[in-house]
């Protein structure tokens, strides 16, 4: 199950943090929730495409948040290189 990978790796949660991490070149994979509003997720998806970052779509914000270890939904989560 791909969501297990989120639990086991260094990550940033939320669209603002994901965008910052992408800009810094720290991200190697992004998870986006299908039920998040497209005006929030589409710019991240396009940025990932430009930078060659893998994008994985997840059914719900709730399941993405839960997999990330938070009690609220998340539109975006990025796996980052360990430092």
N, C-alpha and C. Protein backbone atom coordinates (compact mmCIF):
# COMPACT_ATOMS: atom_id res chain seq x y z
N UNK A 1 0.84 -1.19 0.00
CA UNK A 1 0.00 0.00 0.00
C UNK A 1 0.88 1.25 0.00
N UNK A 2 0.68 2.16 -0.93
CA UNK A 2 1.56 3.31 -1.04
C UNK A 2 1.52 4.24 0.17
N UNK A 3 0.41 4.30 0.89
CA UNK A 3 0.32 5.20 2.04
C UNK A 3 1.26 4.78 3.17
N UNK A 4 1.63 3.52 3.23
CA UNK A 4 2.57 3.06 4.25
C UNK A 4 3.91 3.78 4.10
N UNK A 5 4.29 4.06 2.87
CA UNK A 5 5.54 4.77 2.60
C UNK A 5 5.57 6.13 3.30
N UNK A 6 4.43 6.79 3.40
CA UNK A 6 4.35 8.10 4.04
C UNK A 6 4.73 8.00 5.51
N UNK A 7 4.21 6.98 6.18
CA UNK A 7 4.48 6.82 7.61
C UNK A 7 5.96 6.62 7.90
N UNK A 8 6.65 5.95 6.98
CA UNK A 8 8.02 5.50 7.24
C UNK A 8 9.11 6.46 6.78
N UNK A 9 8.76 7.59 6.19
CA UNK A 9 9.78 8.48 5.62
C UNK A 9 9.63 9.91 6.12
N UNK A 10 10.71 10.67 5.99
CA UNK A 10 10.67 12.10 6.30
C UNK A 10 9.71 12.78 5.33
N UNK A 11 8.91 13.71 5.85
CA UNK A 11 7.87 14.31 5.02
C UNK A 11 7.57 15.73 5.45
N UNK A 12 6.92 16.46 4.57
CA UNK A 12 6.30 17.73 4.90
C UNK A 12 4.83 17.62 4.53
N UNK A 13 3.99 18.29 5.30
CA UNK A 13 2.54 18.16 5.15
C UNK A 13 1.93 19.53 4.89
N UNK A 14 1.02 19.58 3.92
CA UNK A 14 0.31 20.82 3.60
C UNK A 14 0.86 21.47 2.34
N UNK A 15 -0.01 22.16 1.64
CA UNK A 15 0.37 22.72 0.34
C UNK A 15 1.48 23.75 0.43
N UNK A 16 1.44 24.62 1.42
CA UNK A 16 2.49 25.64 1.54
C UNK A 16 3.84 25.01 1.81
N UNK A 17 3.88 24.06 2.74
CA UNK A 17 5.14 23.40 3.07
C UNK A 17 5.65 22.56 1.90
N UNK A 18 4.75 21.92 1.19
CA UNK A 18 5.14 21.12 0.03
C UNK A 18 5.76 22.03 -1.04
N UNK A 19 5.12 23.16 -1.31
CA UNK A 19 5.66 24.10 -2.30
C UNK A 19 7.05 24.59 -1.90
N UNK A 20 7.23 24.92 -0.63
CA UNK A 20 8.54 25.39 -0.16
C UNK A 20 9.60 24.30 -0.33
N UNK A 21 9.26 23.08 0.03
CA UNK A 21 10.22 21.98 -0.08
C UNK A 21 10.58 21.69 -1.54
N UNK A 22 9.60 21.78 -2.44
CA UNK A 22 9.88 21.59 -3.86
C UNK A 22 10.84 22.67 -4.35
N UNK A 23 10.58 23.91 -3.96
CA UNK A 23 11.44 25.03 -4.37
C UNK A 23 12.88 24.84 -3.89
N UNK A 24 13.04 24.21 -2.73
CA UNK A 24 14.38 23.99 -2.18
C UNK A 24 15.04 22.73 -2.73
N UNK A 25 14.32 21.97 -3.56
CA UNK A 25 14.89 20.76 -4.15
C UNK A 25 14.98 19.59 -3.19
N UNK A 26 14.13 19.56 -2.17
CA UNK A 26 14.18 18.52 -1.15
C UNK A 26 13.25 17.35 -1.41
N UNK A 27 12.35 17.47 -2.36
CA UNK A 27 11.25 16.52 -2.54
C UNK A 27 11.58 15.48 -3.62
N UNK A 28 11.22 14.21 -3.33
CA UNK A 28 11.36 13.19 -4.37
C UNK A 28 10.03 12.53 -4.72
N UNK A 29 8.98 12.76 -3.93
CA UNK A 29 7.65 12.22 -4.27
C UNK A 29 6.59 13.06 -3.57
N UNK A 30 5.48 13.29 -4.27
CA UNK A 30 4.37 14.06 -3.71
C UNK A 30 3.10 13.23 -3.78
N UNK A 31 2.33 13.27 -2.71
CA UNK A 31 1.00 12.65 -2.65
C UNK A 31 -0.03 13.77 -2.65
N UNK A 32 -1.02 13.66 -3.53
CA UNK A 32 -2.10 14.64 -3.61
C UNK A 32 -3.44 13.94 -3.43
N UNK A 33 -4.35 14.60 -2.72
CA UNK A 33 -5.68 14.04 -2.49
C UNK A 33 -6.59 14.38 -3.66
N UNK A 34 -7.28 13.37 -4.17
CA UNK A 34 -8.20 13.58 -5.30
C UNK A 34 -9.38 14.48 -4.92
N UNK A 35 -9.80 14.44 -3.66
CA UNK A 35 -10.97 15.22 -3.27
C UNK A 35 -10.62 16.64 -2.83
N UNK A 36 -9.35 17.02 -2.92
CA UNK A 36 -8.96 18.40 -2.64
C UNK A 36 -9.32 19.26 -3.84
N UNK A 37 -9.53 20.54 -3.61
CA UNK A 37 -9.91 21.43 -4.70
C UNK A 37 -8.76 21.55 -5.70
N UNK A 38 -9.11 21.49 -6.97
CA UNK A 38 -8.08 21.46 -8.02
C UNK A 38 -7.26 22.74 -8.07
N UNK A 39 -7.82 23.87 -7.68
CA UNK A 39 -7.02 25.11 -7.71
C UNK A 39 -5.92 25.07 -6.66
N UNK A 40 -6.01 24.14 -5.72
CA UNK A 40 -4.96 23.96 -4.71
C UNK A 40 -3.94 22.93 -5.19
N UNK A 41 -4.41 21.83 -5.74
CA UNK A 41 -3.50 20.74 -6.09
C UNK A 41 -2.88 20.86 -7.48
N UNK A 42 -3.58 21.47 -8.41
CA UNK A 42 -3.08 21.52 -9.79
C UNK A 42 -1.75 22.26 -9.92
N UNK A 43 -1.55 23.41 -9.26
CA UNK A 43 -0.24 24.06 -9.38
C UNK A 43 0.91 23.18 -8.85
N UNK A 44 0.64 22.41 -7.80
CA UNK A 44 1.67 21.51 -7.27
C UNK A 44 1.94 20.39 -8.27
N UNK A 45 0.88 19.84 -8.84
CA UNK A 45 1.04 18.78 -9.84
C UNK A 45 1.87 19.27 -11.03
N UNK A 46 1.59 20.48 -11.51
CA UNK A 46 2.33 21.04 -12.64
C UNK A 46 3.79 21.27 -12.29
N UNK A 47 4.05 21.78 -11.09
CA UNK A 47 5.41 22.02 -10.64
C UNK A 47 6.19 20.70 -10.55
N UNK A 48 5.52 19.67 -10.05
CA UNK A 48 6.15 18.35 -9.97
C UNK A 48 6.49 17.84 -11.37
N UNK A 49 5.59 18.02 -12.30
CA UNK A 49 5.82 17.58 -13.68
C UNK A 49 7.05 18.30 -14.26
N UNK A 50 7.13 19.60 -14.03
CA UNK A 50 8.26 20.39 -14.54
C UNK A 50 9.59 19.92 -13.94
N UNK A 51 9.56 19.53 -12.67
CA UNK A 51 10.80 19.17 -11.97
C UNK A 51 11.07 17.67 -11.97
N UNK A 52 10.18 16.88 -12.59
CA UNK A 52 10.39 15.44 -12.67
C UNK A 52 10.16 14.71 -11.35
N UNK A 53 9.28 15.24 -10.54
CA UNK A 53 8.96 14.63 -9.24
C UNK A 53 7.73 13.72 -9.41
N UNK A 54 7.81 12.50 -8.88
CA UNK A 54 6.69 11.57 -8.95
C UNK A 54 5.50 12.09 -8.15
N UNK A 55 4.31 11.94 -8.72
CA UNK A 55 3.07 12.32 -8.04
C UNK A 55 2.20 11.09 -7.90
N UNK A 56 1.68 10.86 -6.70
CA UNK A 56 0.78 9.76 -6.42
C UNK A 56 -0.55 10.35 -5.96
N UNK A 57 -1.62 9.93 -6.60
CA UNK A 57 -2.95 10.42 -6.22
C UNK A 57 -3.54 9.49 -5.16
N UNK A 58 -4.12 10.10 -4.13
CA UNK A 58 -4.75 9.38 -3.02
C UNK A 58 -6.23 9.75 -3.03
N UNK A 59 -7.09 8.81 -2.67
CA UNK A 59 -8.53 9.05 -2.77
C UNK A 59 -9.02 10.25 -1.98
N UNK A 60 -8.65 10.34 -0.70
CA UNK A 60 -9.25 11.39 0.13
C UNK A 60 -8.20 12.14 0.95
N UNK A 61 -8.54 13.38 1.28
CA UNK A 61 -7.71 14.18 2.17
C UNK A 61 -7.63 13.52 3.54
N UNK A 62 -8.73 12.93 3.96
CA UNK A 62 -8.76 12.27 5.27
C UNK A 62 -7.74 11.13 5.33
N UNK A 63 -7.73 10.28 4.31
CA UNK A 63 -6.80 9.15 4.33
C UNK A 63 -5.35 9.62 4.22
N UNK A 64 -5.10 10.70 3.49
CA UNK A 64 -3.75 11.24 3.38
C UNK A 64 -3.29 11.84 4.71
N UNK A 65 -4.19 12.54 5.37
CA UNK A 65 -3.87 13.08 6.69
C UNK A 65 -3.59 11.99 7.70
N UNK A 66 -4.43 10.97 7.70
CA UNK A 66 -4.25 9.85 8.63
C UNK A 66 -2.92 9.14 8.39
N UNK A 67 -2.59 8.90 7.13
CA UNK A 67 -1.33 8.24 6.80
C UNK A 67 -0.13 9.08 7.21
N UNK A 68 -0.34 10.40 7.28
CA UNK A 68 0.74 11.31 7.66
C UNK A 68 0.87 11.46 9.17
N UNK A 69 -0.08 10.88 9.90
CA UNK A 69 -0.02 10.95 11.35
C UNK A 69 -0.68 12.19 11.95
N UNK A 70 -1.55 12.84 11.17
CA UNK A 70 -2.28 13.99 11.70
C UNK A 70 -3.77 13.65 11.77
N UNK A 71 -4.49 14.39 12.55
CA UNK A 71 -5.90 14.07 12.78
C UNK A 71 -6.85 14.86 11.89
N UNK A 72 -6.31 15.61 10.94
CA UNK A 72 -7.14 16.35 9.99
C UNK A 72 -6.73 15.95 8.59
N UNK A 73 -7.51 16.34 7.61
CA UNK A 73 -7.19 16.01 6.23
C UNK A 73 -6.00 16.80 5.72
N UNK A 74 -5.37 16.29 4.68
CA UNK A 74 -4.25 16.97 4.04
C UNK A 74 -4.43 16.88 2.53
N UNK A 75 -4.29 18.01 1.85
CA UNK A 75 -4.40 18.02 0.39
C UNK A 75 -3.12 17.54 -0.26
N UNK A 76 -1.97 17.78 0.41
CA UNK A 76 -0.68 17.43 -0.17
C UNK A 76 0.31 17.02 0.91
N UNK A 77 1.10 16.01 0.57
CA UNK A 77 2.21 15.55 1.43
C UNK A 77 3.38 15.25 0.51
N UNK A 78 4.56 15.67 0.92
CA UNK A 78 5.75 15.42 0.12
C UNK A 78 6.75 14.61 0.94
N UNK A 79 7.34 13.61 0.30
CA UNK A 79 8.44 12.88 0.90
C UNK A 79 9.72 13.62 0.56
N UNK A 80 10.53 13.85 1.58
CA UNK A 80 11.75 14.63 1.40
C UNK A 80 12.97 13.77 1.66
N UNK A 81 14.08 14.16 1.05
CA UNK A 81 15.34 13.47 1.27
C UNK A 81 15.76 13.63 2.71
N UNK A 82 16.21 12.57 3.34
CA UNK A 82 16.69 12.65 4.72
C UNK A 82 17.95 13.50 4.77
N UNK A 83 18.07 14.23 5.86
CA UNK A 83 19.23 15.12 5.98
C UNK A 83 20.24 14.57 6.94
